PDB file of N, CA and C in Angstrom:
ATOM      1  N   MET A   1      64.496-112.887  51.069  1.00  0.00           N
ATOM      2  CA  MET A   1      63.637-112.436  52.199  1.00  0.00           C
ATOM      3  C   MET A   1      63.324-110.885  51.943  1.00  0.00           C
ATOM      4  N   VAL A   2      62.051-110.622  52.214  1.00  0.00           N
ATOM      5  CA  VAL A   2      61.783-109.135  52.005  1.00  0.00           C
ATOM      6  C   VAL A   2      61.768-108.589  53.406  1.00  0.00           C
ATOM      7  N   ARG A   3      62.375-107.357  53.350  1.00  0.00           N
ATOM      8  CA  ARG A   3      62.414-106.609  54.757  1.00  0.00           C
ATOM      9  C   ARG A   3      61.637-105.268  54.483  1.00  0.00           C
ATOM     10  N   PHE A   4      60.782-105.019  55.503  1.00  0.00           N
ATOM     11  CA  PHE A   4      60.053-103.850  55.505  1.00  0.00           C
ATOM     12  C   PHE A   4      60.636-103.010  56.550  1.00  0.00           C
ATOM     13  N   GLY A   5      60.860-101.665  56.206  1.00  0.00           N
ATOM     14  CA  GLY A   5      61.326-100.698  57.033  1.00  0.00           C
ATOM     15  C   GLY A   5      60.434 -99.967  57.895  1.00  0.00           C
ATOM     16  N   LYS A   6      60.798 -99.168  58.792  1.00  0.00           N
ATOM     17  CA  LYS A   6      59.782 -98.621  59.759  1.00  0.00           C
ATOM     18  C   LYS A   6      59.206 -97.392  58.897  1.00  0.00           C
ATOM     19  N   GLY A   7      59.820 -96.915  57.956  1.00  0.00           N
ATOM     20  CA  GLY A   7      59.342 -95.799  57.105  1.00  0.00           C
ATOM     21  C   GLY A   7      58.091 -96.360  56.293  1.00  0.00           C
ATOM     22  N   LEU A   8      58.233 -97.651  55.964  1.00  0.00           N
ATOM     23  CA  LEU A   8      57.196 -98.236  55.153  1.00  0.00           C
ATOM     24  C   LEU A   8      55.861 -98.466  56.043  1.00  0.00           C
ATOM     25  N   ALA A   9      56.108 -98.826  57.297  1.00  0.00           N
ATOM     26  CA  ALA A   9      54.920 -98.903  58.187  1.00  0.00           C
ATOM     27  C   ALA A   9      54.351 -97.528  58.343  1.00  0.00           C
ATOM     28  N   VAL A  10      55.096 -96.466  58.501  1.00  0.00           N
ATOM     29  CA  VAL A  10      54.456 -95.235  58.780  1.00  0.00           C
ATOM     30  C   VAL A  10      53.719 -94.772  57.496  1.00  0.00           C
ATOM     31  N   ALA A  11      54.336 -95.080  56.371  1.00  0.00           N
ATOM     32  CA  ALA A  11      53.858 -94.638  54.979  1.00  0.00           C
ATOM     33  C   ALA A  11      52.489 -95.459  54.848  1.00  0.00           C
ATOM     34  N   ALA A  12      52.450 -96.689  55.181  1.00  0.00           N
ATOM     35  CA  ALA A  12      51.172 -97.477  55.104  1.00  0.00           C
ATOM     36  C   ALA A  12      49.975 -96.939  55.947  1.00  0.00           C
ATOM     37  N   ALA A  13      50.485 -96.528  57.224  1.00  0.00           N
ATOM     38  CA  ALA A  13      49.524 -95.818  57.996  1.00  0.00           C
ATOM     39  C   ALA A  13      49.037 -94.658  57.607  1.00  0.00           C
ATOM     40  N   ALA A  14      49.838 -93.851  56.979  1.00  0.00           N
ATOM     41  CA  ALA A  14      49.614 -92.481  56.355  1.00  0.00           C
ATOM     42  C   ALA A  14      48.454 -92.795  55.201  1.00  0.00           C
ATOM     43  N   ALA A  15      48.856 -93.787  54.383  1.00  0.00           N
ATOM     44  CA  ALA A  15      48.110 -94.089  53.151  1.00  0.00           C
ATOM     45  C   ALA A  15      46.572 -94.527  53.715  1.00  0.00           C
ATOM     46  N   LEU A  16      46.566 -95.145  54.823  1.00  0.00           N
ATOM     47  CA  LEU A  16      45.268 -95.594  55.304  1.00  0.00           C
ATOM     48  C   LEU A  16      44.431 -94.276  55.886  1.00  0.00           C
ATOM     49  N   VAL A  17      45.061 -93.350  56.298  1.00  0.00           N
ATOM     50  CA  VAL A  17      44.628 -92.226  56.824  1.00  0.00           C
ATOM     51  C   VAL A  17      43.988 -91.296  55.644  1.00  0.00           C
ATOM     52  N   PHE A  18      44.849 -91.111  54.561  1.00  0.00           N
ATOM     53  CA  PHE A  18      44.434 -90.210  53.615  1.00  0.00           C
ATOM     54  C   PHE A  18      43.618 -90.839  52.350  1.00  0.00           C
ATOM     55  N   ALA A  19      43.719 -92.236  52.221  1.00  0.00           N
ATOM     56  CA  ALA A  19      42.990 -92.735  51.168  1.00  0.00           C
ATOM     57  C   ALA A  19      41.402 -92.893  51.406  1.00  0.00           C
ATOM     58  N   ALA A  20      41.071 -92.924  52.749  1.00  0.00           N
ATOM     59  CA  ALA A  20      39.662 -93.221  53.193  1.00  0.00           C
ATOM     60  C   ALA A  20      38.839 -91.873  53.148  1.00  0.00           C
ATOM     61  N   GLY A  21      39.345 -90.727  53.554  1.00  0.00           N
ATOM     62  CA  GLY A  21      38.561 -89.455  53.447  1.00  0.00           C
ATOM     63  C   GLY A  21      37.613 -89.536  54.648  1.00  0.00           C
ATOM     64  N   THR A  22      36.433 -88.720  54.446  1.00  0.00           N
ATOM     65  CA  THR A  22      35.471 -88.519  55.511  1.00  0.00           C
ATOM     66  C   THR A  22      34.639 -89.795  55.835  1.00  0.00           C
ATOM     67  N   ALA A  23      34.422 -90.680  55.016  1.00  0.00           N
ATOM     68  CA  ALA A  23      33.931 -92.108  55.316  1.00  0.00           C
ATOM     69  C   ALA A  23      34.548 -92.715  56.421  1.00  0.00           C
ATOM     70  N   SER A  24      35.867 -92.646  56.358  1.00  0.00           N
ATOM     71  CA  SER A  24      36.607 -93.465  57.333  1.00  0.00           C
ATOM     72  C   SER A  24      36.427 -92.743  58.809  1.00  0.00           C
ATOM     73  N   ALA A  25      36.144 -91.552  58.922  1.00  0.00           N
ATOM     74  CA  ALA A  25      35.732 -90.902  60.039  1.00  0.00           C
ATOM     75  C   ALA A  25      34.663 -91.751  60.881  1.00  0.00           C
ATOM     76  N   GLN A  26      33.554 -92.006  60.034  1.00  0.00           N
ATOM     77  CA  GLN A  26      32.528 -92.711  60.634  1.00  0.00           C
ATOM     78  C   GLN A  26      32.966 -94.234  60.878  1.00  0.00           C
ATOM     79  N   PHE A  27      33.886 -94.815  59.975  1.00  0.00           N
ATOM     80  CA  PHE A  27      34.231 -96.160  60.037  1.00  0.00           C
ATOM     81  C   PHE A  27      35.159 -96.271  61.189  1.00  0.00           C
ATOM     82  N   TYR A  28      36.116 -95.516  61.685  1.00  0.00           N
ATOM     83  CA  TYR A  28      36.972 -95.749  62.736  1.00  0.00           C
ATOM     84  C   TYR A  28      36.503 -95.217  64.056  1.00  0.00           C
ATOM     85  N   LYS A  29      35.383 -94.298  63.989  1.00  0.00           N
ATOM     86  CA  LYS A  29      34.929 -93.770  65.281  1.00  0.00           C
ATOM     87  C   LYS A  29      34.613 -94.830  66.248  1.00  0.00           C
ATOM     88  N   GLY A  30      35.276 -94.814  67.523  1.00  0.00           N
ATOM     89  CA  GLY A  30      34.977 -95.668  68.468  1.00  0.00           C
ATOM     90  C   GLY A  30      35.530 -97.164  68.355  1.00  0.00           C
ATOM     91  N   LYS A  31      36.351 -97.355  67.361  1.00  0.00           N
ATOM     92  CA  LYS A  31      36.830 -98.769  67.066  1.00  0.00           C
ATOM     93  C   LYS A  31      38.387 -98.758  67.526  1.00  0.00           C
ATOM     94  N   ARG A  32      38.800-100.074  67.622  1.00  0.00           N
ATOM     95  CA  ARG A  32      40.187-100.350  68.021  1.00  0.00           C
ATOM     96  C   ARG A  32      40.897-100.863  66.830  1.00  0.00           C
ATOM     97  N   VAL A  33      41.956-100.314  66.546  1.00  0.00           N
ATOM     98  CA  VAL A  33      42.788-100.786  65.528  1.00  0.00           C
ATOM     99  C   VAL A  33      44.166-101.503  66.081  1.00  0.00           C
ATOM    100  N   THR A  34      44.445-102.528  65.762  1.00  0.00           N
ATOM    101  CA  THR A  34      45.563-103.239  66.160  1.00  0.00           C
ATOM    102  C   THR A  34      46.892-103.082  65.494  1.00  0.00           C
ATOM    103  N   MET A  35      47.910-102.649  66.127  1.00  0.00           N
ATOM    104  CA  MET A  35      49.261-102.725  65.591  1.00  0.00           C
ATOM    105  C   MET A  35      50.055-103.712  65.987  1.00  0.00           C
ATOM    106  N   LEU A  36      50.564-104.464  64.935  1.00  0.00           N
ATOM    107  CA  LEU A  36      51.414-105.627  65.289  1.00  0.00           C
ATOM    108  C   LEU A  36      52.927-105.127  65.383  1.00  0.00           C
ATOM    109  N   ILE A  37      53.505-105.535  66.218  1.00  0.00           N
ATOM    110  CA  ILE A  37      55.004-105.249  66.338  1.00  0.00           C
ATOM    111  C   ILE A  37      55.791-106.608  66.298  1.00  0.00           C
ATOM    112  N   ASN A  38      56.651-106.771  65.474  1.00  0.00           N
ATOM    113  CA  ASN A  38      57.276-108.112  65.267  1.00  0.00           C
ATOM    114  C   ASN A  38      58.524-108.426  66.148  1.00  0.00           C
ATOM    115  N   TYR A  39      58.524-107.748  67.114  1.00  0.00           N
ATOM    116  CA  TYR A  39      59.582-108.080  68.177  1.00  0.00           C
ATOM    117  C   TYR A  39      59.104-107.788  69.571  1.00  0.00           C
ATOM    118  N   GLY A  40      59.742-108.413  70.610  1.00  0.00           N
ATOM    119  CA  GLY A  40      59.100-108.456  71.901  1.00  0.00           C
ATOM    120  C   GLY A  40      59.110-107.016  72.603  1.00  0.00           C
ATOM    121  N   ALA A  41      58.339-106.900  73.763  1.00  0.00           N
ATOM    122  CA  ALA A  41      58.331-105.615  74.504  1.00  0.00           C
ATOM    123  C   ALA A  41      59.676-105.257  75.116  1.00  0.00           C
ATOM    124  N   GLY A  42      59.792-103.990  74.963  1.00  0.00           N
ATOM    125  CA  GLY A  42      61.007-103.320  75.587  1.00  0.00           C
ATOM    126  C   GLY A  42      62.212-103.018  74.736  1.00  0.00           C
ATOM    127  N   GLY A  43      62.149-103.513  73.503  1.00  0.00           N
ATOM    128  CA  GLY A  43      63.304-103.273  72.496  1.00  0.00           C
ATOM    129  C   GLY A  43      63.006-102.041  71.816  1.00  0.00           C
ATOM    130  N   PRO A  44      64.005-101.706  70.913  1.00  0.00           N
ATOM    131  CA  PRO A  44      63.747-100.333  70.112  1.00  0.00           C
ATOM    132  C   PRO A  44      62.556-100.477  69.249  1.00  0.00           C
ATOM    133  N   THR A  45      62.276-101.437  68.559  1.00  0.00           N
ATOM    134  CA  THR A  45      61.148-101.585  67.711  1.00  0.00           C
ATOM    135  C   THR A  45      59.767-101.350  68.554  1.00  0.00           C
ATOM    136  N   ASP A  46      59.698-101.919  69.757  1.00  0.00           N
ATOM    137  CA  ASP A  46      58.488-101.818  70.490  1.00  0.00           C
ATOM    138  C   ASP A  46      58.395-100.275  70.988  1.00  0.00           C
ATOM    139  N   ILE A  47      59.493 -99.730  71.428  1.00  0.00           N
ATOM    140  CA  ILE A  47      59.445 -98.356  71.832  1.00  0.00           C
ATOM    141  C   ILE A  47      59.008 -97.499  70.738  1.00  0.00           C
ATOM    142  N   GLU A  48      59.550 -97.589  69.499  1.00  0.00           N
ATOM    143  CA  GLU A  48      59.288 -96.718  68.445  1.00  0.00           C
ATOM    144  C   GLU A  48      57.857 -96.923  68.013  1.00  0.00           C
ATOM    145  N   GLY A  49      57.339 -98.295  68.016  1.00  0.00           N
ATOM    146  CA  GLY A  49      55.912 -98.524  67.771  1.00  0.00           C
ATOM    147  C   GLY A  49      54.895 -97.911  68.684  1.00  0.00           C
ATOM    148  N   ARG A  50      55.328 -98.037  69.836  1.00  0.00           N
ATOM    149  CA  ARG A  50      54.430 -97.439  70.867  1.00  0.00           C
ATOM    150  C   ARG A  50      54.325 -95.838  70.886  1.00  0.00           C
ATOM    151  N   ILE A  51      55.499 -95.351  70.424  1.00  0.00           N
ATOM    152  CA  ILE A  51      55.403 -93.821  70.261  1.00  0.00           C
ATOM    153  C   ILE A  51      54.425 -93.570  69.136  1.00  0.00           C
ATOM    154  N   VAL A  52      54.589 -94.216  67.890  1.00  0.00           N
ATOM    155  CA  VAL A  52      53.613 -93.995  66.794  1.00  0.00           C
ATOM    156  C   VAL A  52      52.238 -94.284  67.277  1.00  0.00           C
ATOM    157  N   ALA A  53      52.094 -95.350  68.008  1.00  0.00           N
ATOM    158  CA  ALA A  53      50.731 -95.712  68.478  1.00  0.00           C
ATOM    159  C   ALA A  53      50.027 -94.681  69.232  1.00  0.00           C
ATOM    160  N   ARG A  54      50.858 -94.005  70.087  1.00  0.00           N
ATOM    161  CA  ARG A  54      50.288 -92.975  70.981  1.00  0.00           C
ATOM    162  C   ARG A  54      49.772 -91.776  70.162  1.00  0.00           C
ATOM    163  N   HIS A  55      50.577 -91.369  69.044  1.00  0.00           N
ATOM    164  CA  HIS A  55      50.197 -90.145  68.334  1.00  0.00           C
ATOM    165  C   HIS A  55      49.345 -90.436  67.048  1.00  0.00           C
ATOM    166  N   LEU A  56      49.363 -91.571  66.516  1.00  0.00           N
ATOM    167  CA  LEU A  56      48.578 -91.943  65.311  1.00  0.00           C
ATOM    168  C   LEU A  56      47.058 -91.641  65.450  1.00  0.00           C
ATOM    169  N   PRO A  57      46.332 -91.920  66.342  1.00  0.00           N
ATOM    170  CA  PRO A  57      44.956 -91.730  66.378  1.00  0.00           C
ATOM    171  C   PRO A  57      44.455 -90.285  65.995  1.00  0.00           C
ATOM    172  N   LYS A  58      45.376 -89.292  66.462  1.00  0.00           N
ATOM    173  CA  LYS A  58      44.933 -88.013  66.134  1.00  0.00           C
ATOM    174  C   LYS A  58      45.081 -87.699  64.639  1.00  0.00           C
ATOM    175  N   HIS A  59      45.678 -88.329  63.867  1.00  0.00           N
ATOM    176  CA  HIS A  59      45.821 -88.291  62.537  1.00  0.00           C
ATOM    177  C   HIS A  59      44.875 -89.199  61.709  1.00  0.00           C
ATOM    178  N   ILE A  60      44.059 -89.935  62.285  1.00  0.00           N
ATOM    179  CA  ILE A  60      43.121 -90.831  61.563  1.00  0.00           C
ATOM    180  C   ILE A  60      41.691 -90.299  61.932  1.00  0.00           C
ATOM    181  N   PRO A  61      40.987 -89.984  60.872  1.00  0.00           N
ATOM    182  CA  PRO A  61      39.682 -89.540  61.240  1.00  0.00           C
ATOM    183  C   PRO A  61      38.791 -90.512  61.983  1.00  0.00           C
ATOM    184  N   GLY A  62      38.124 -90.037  62.990  1.00  0.00           N
ATOM    185  CA  GLY A  62      37.326 -90.948  63.897  1.00  0.00           C
ATOM    186  C   GLY A  62      38.268 -91.272  65.262  1.00  0.00           C
ATOM    187  N   ASN A  63      39.505 -90.998  65.244  1.00  0.00           N
ATOM    188  CA  ASN A  63      40.326 -91.250  66.391  1.00  0.00           C
ATOM    189  C   ASN A  63      40.071 -92.442  67.094  1.00  0.00           C
ATOM    190  N   PRO A  64      40.380 -93.645  66.232  1.00  0.00           N
ATOM    191  CA  PRO A  64      40.391 -95.013  66.935  1.00  0.00           C
ATOM    192  C   PRO A  64      41.456 -95.263  67.961  1.00  0.00           C
ATOM    193  N   THR A  65      41.136 -96.039  68.751  1.00  0.00           N
ATOM    194  CA  THR A  65      42.132 -96.509  69.702  1.00  0.00           C
ATOM    195  C   THR A  65      43.145 -97.574  69.105  1.00  0.00           C
ATOM    196  N   ILE A  66      44.403 -97.274  69.305  1.00  0.00           N
ATOM    197  CA  ILE A  66      45.464 -98.125  68.720  1.00  0.00           C
ATOM    198  C   ILE A  66      45.913 -99.131  69.826  1.00  0.00           C
ATOM    199  N   ILE A  67      45.745-100.379  69.553  1.00  0.00           N
ATOM    200  CA  ILE A  67      46.173-101.456  70.610  1.00  0.00           C
ATOM    201  C   ILE A  67      47.512-102.146  69.998  1.00  0.00           C
ATOM    202  N   VAL A  68      48.514-102.115  70.770  1.00  0.00           N
ATOM    203  CA  VAL A  68      49.771-102.711  70.374  1.00  0.00           C
ATOM    204  C   VAL A  68      49.809-104.141  70.797  1.00  0.00           C
ATOM    205  N   LYS A  69      50.224-104.956  69.785  1.00  0.00           N
ATOM    206  CA  LYS A  69      50.182-106.389  70.088  1.00  0.00           C
ATOM    207  C   LYS A  69      51.663-106.841  69.699  1.00  0.00           C
ATOM    208  N   ASN A  70      52.575-107.200  70.654  1.00  0.00           N
ATOM    209  CA  ASN A  70      53.843-107.662  70.278  1.00  0.00           C
ATOM    210  C   ASN A  70      53.732-109.175  69.871  1.00  0.00           C
ATOM    211  N   MET A  71      54.464-109.499  68.862  1.00  0.00           N
ATOM    212  CA  MET A  71      54.420-110.916  68.116  1.00  0.00           C
ATOM    213  C   MET A  71      55.981-111.279  67.894  1.00  0.00           C
ATOM    214  N   PRO A  72      56.571-111.631  68.978  1.00  0.00           N
ATOM    215  CA  PRO A  72      58.058-111.832  68.736  1.00  0.00           C
ATOM    216  C   PRO A  72      58.121-113.295  68.133  1.00  0.00           C
ATOM    217  N   GLY A  73      59.235-113.595  67.599  1.00  0.00           N
ATOM    218  CA  GLY A  73      59.641-114.867  67.072  1.00  0.00           C
ATOM    219  C   GLY A  73      59.853-115.043  65.616  1.00  0.00           C
ATOM    220  N   GLY A  74      60.680-116.068  65.255  1.00  0.00           N
ATOM    221  CA  GLY A  74      61.125-116.220  63.868  1.00  0.00           C
ATOM    222  C   GLY A  74      61.617-115.027  63.196  1.00  0.00           C
ATOM    223  N   GLY A  75      62.464-114.227  63.990  1.00  0.00           N
ATOM    224  CA  GLY A  75      63.150-113.197  63.341  1.00  0.00           C
ATOM    225  C   GLY A  75      62.212-112.157  62.742  1.00  0.00           C
ATOM    226  N   GLY A  76      60.980-112.006  63.390  1.00  0.00           N
ATOM    227  CA  GLY A  76      59.888-111.091  62.855  1.00  0.00           C
ATOM    228  C   GLY A  76      58.919-111.728  61.989  1.00  0.00           C
ATOM    229  N   MET A  77      59.148-112.954  61.631  1.00  0.00           N
ATOM    230  CA  MET A  77      58.210-113.574  60.517  1.00  0.00           C
ATOM    231  C   MET A  77      56.850-114.071  61.122  1.00  0.00           C
ATOM    232  N   ILE A  78      56.754-114.239  62.482  1.00  0.00           N
ATOM    233  CA  ILE A  78      55.560-114.683  63.001  1.00  0.00           C
ATOM    234  C   ILE A  78      54.569-113.506  62.870  1.00  0.00           C
ATOM    235  N   ALA A  79      54.880-112.304  63.195  1.00  0.00           N
ATOM    236  CA  ALA A  79      53.992-111.158  62.919  1.00  0.00           C
ATOM    237  C   ALA A  79      53.764-110.794  61.521  1.00  0.00           C
ATOM    238  N   SER A  80      54.759-111.133  60.684  1.00  0.00           N
ATOM    239  CA  SER A  80      54.557-110.832  59.245  1.00  0.00           C
ATOM    240  C   SER A  80      53.519-111.743  58.659  1.00  0.00           C
ATOM    241  N   ASN A  81      53.689-113.029  59.018  1.00  0.00           N
ATOM    242  CA  ASN A  81      52.749-114.064  58.578  1.00  0.00           C
ATOM    243  C   ASN A  81      51.395-113.914  59.113  1.00  0.00           C
ATOM    244  N   ASN A  82      51.167-113.540  60.354  1.00  0.00           N
ATOM    245  CA  ASN A  82      49.987-113.304  60.941  1.00  0.00           C
ATOM    246  C   ASN A  82      49.166-112.138  60.244  1.00  0.00           C
ATOM    247  N   LEU A  83      49.908-111.121  59.996  1.00  0.00           N
ATOM    248  CA  LEU A  83      49.302-110.041  59.139  1.00  0.00           C
ATOM    249  C   LEU A  83      48.935-110.415  57.784  1.00  0.00           C
ATOM    250  N   GLY A  84      49.741-111.177  57.149  1.00  0.00           N
ATOM    251  CA  GLY A  84      49.350-111.607  55.678  1.00  0.00           C
ATOM    252  C   GLY A  84      48.472-112.713  55.691  1.00  0.00           C
ATOM    253  N   GLU A  85      48.416-113.563  56.600  1.00  0.00           N
ATOM    254  CA  GLU A  85      47.580-114.896  56.418  1.00  0.00           C
ATOM    255  C   GLU A  85      46.378-114.892  57.432  1.00  0.00           C
ATOM    256  N   ILE A  86      46.453-114.424  58.554  1.00  0.00           N
ATOM    257  CA  ILE A  86      45.419-114.579  59.535  1.00  0.00           C
ATOM    258  C   ILE A  86      44.473-113.320  59.798  1.00  0.00           C
ATOM    259  N   ALA A  87      45.198-112.222  59.647  1.00  0.00           N
ATOM    260  CA  ALA A  87      44.409-110.902  59.944  1.00  0.00           C
ATOM    261  C   ALA A  87      43.499-110.707  58.930  1.00  0.00           C
ATOM    262  N   LYS A  88      42.203-110.202  59.257  1.00  0.00           N
ATOM    263  CA  LYS A  88      41.223-109.937  58.371  1.00  0.00           C
ATOM    264  C   LYS A  88      41.576-108.705  57.531  1.00  0.00           C
ATOM    265  N   PRO A  89      41.383-108.518  56.225  1.00  0.00           N
ATOM    266  CA  PRO A  89      41.778-107.371  55.460  1.00  0.00           C
ATOM    267  C   PRO A  89      40.656-106.315  55.689  1.00  0.00           C
ATOM    268  N   ASP A  90      40.500-105.973  56.778  1.00  0.00           N
ATOM    269  CA  ASP A  90      39.364-104.926  57.031  1.00  0.00           C
ATOM    270  C   ASP A  90      39.604-103.596  57.468  1.00  0.00           C
ATOM    271  N   GLY A  91      41.096-103.308  57.458  1.00  0.00           N
ATOM    272  CA  GLY A  91      41.542-101.954  57.757  1.00  0.00           C
ATOM    273  C   GLY A  91      41.758-101.842  59.329  1.00  0.00           C
ATOM    274  N   MET A  92      41.519-102.964  60.024  1.00  0.00           N
ATOM    275  CA  MET A  92      41.716-102.718  61.511  1.00  0.00           C
ATOM    276  C   MET A  92      42.965-103.342  62.148  1.00  0.00           C
ATOM    277  N   THR A  93      43.916-103.851  61.228  1.00  0.00           N
ATOM    278  CA  THR A  93      45.184-104.421  61.738  1.00  0.00           C
ATOM    279  C   THR A  93      46.258-103.912  60.745  1.00  0.00           C
ATOM    280  N   PHE A  94      47.406-103.448  61.271  1.00  0.00           N
ATOM    281  CA  PHE A  94      48.472-103.199  60.490  1.00  0.00           C
ATOM    282  C   PHE A  94      49.720-103.422  61.213  1.00  0.00           C
ATOM    283  N   GLY A  95      50.972-103.447  60.509  1.00  0.00           N
ATOM    284  CA  GLY A  95      52.126-103.776  61.098  1.00  0.00           C
ATOM    285  C   GLY A  95      53.150-102.694  61.328  1.00  0.00           C
ATOM    286  N   PHE A  96      53.862-102.724  62.427  1.00  0.00           N
ATOM    287  CA  PHE A  96      54.929-101.837  62.386  1.00  0.00           C
ATOM    288  C   PHE A  96      56.174-102.850  62.560  1.00  0.00           C
ATOM    289  N   PHE A  97      56.868-103.009  61.400  1.00  0.00           N
ATOM    290  CA  PHE A  97      57.982-103.953  61.299  1.00  0.00           C
ATOM    291  C   PHE A  97      59.256-103.422  61.167  1.00  0.00           C
ATOM    292  N   THR A  98      60.396-104.126  61.603  1.00  0.00           N
ATOM    293  CA  THR A  98      61.668-103.741  61.209  1.00  0.00           C
ATOM    294  C   THR A  98      62.253-104.705  60.163  1.00  0.00           C
TER     295      THR A  98
END
């Protein structure tokens, strides 16, 4: 089983910000980005993820809205599988996993 730390989620979000450059400012402007959290609302993962979601838009060119979507179940695998198999690879969905 592969475990992803919170640091990896933040690093992935930072890579999303820095890799795209100025073209991303136009890409993300006025859009909604979904943050998947692999545990239910109210727990430590949810609280930390929502703090990141609150401050992340000011670090992404275009200041998109971050929508938090909790996907509990399967020890976090429901959200992991959703991100890997169902979410479109268009840069509009990322995971904040523990």
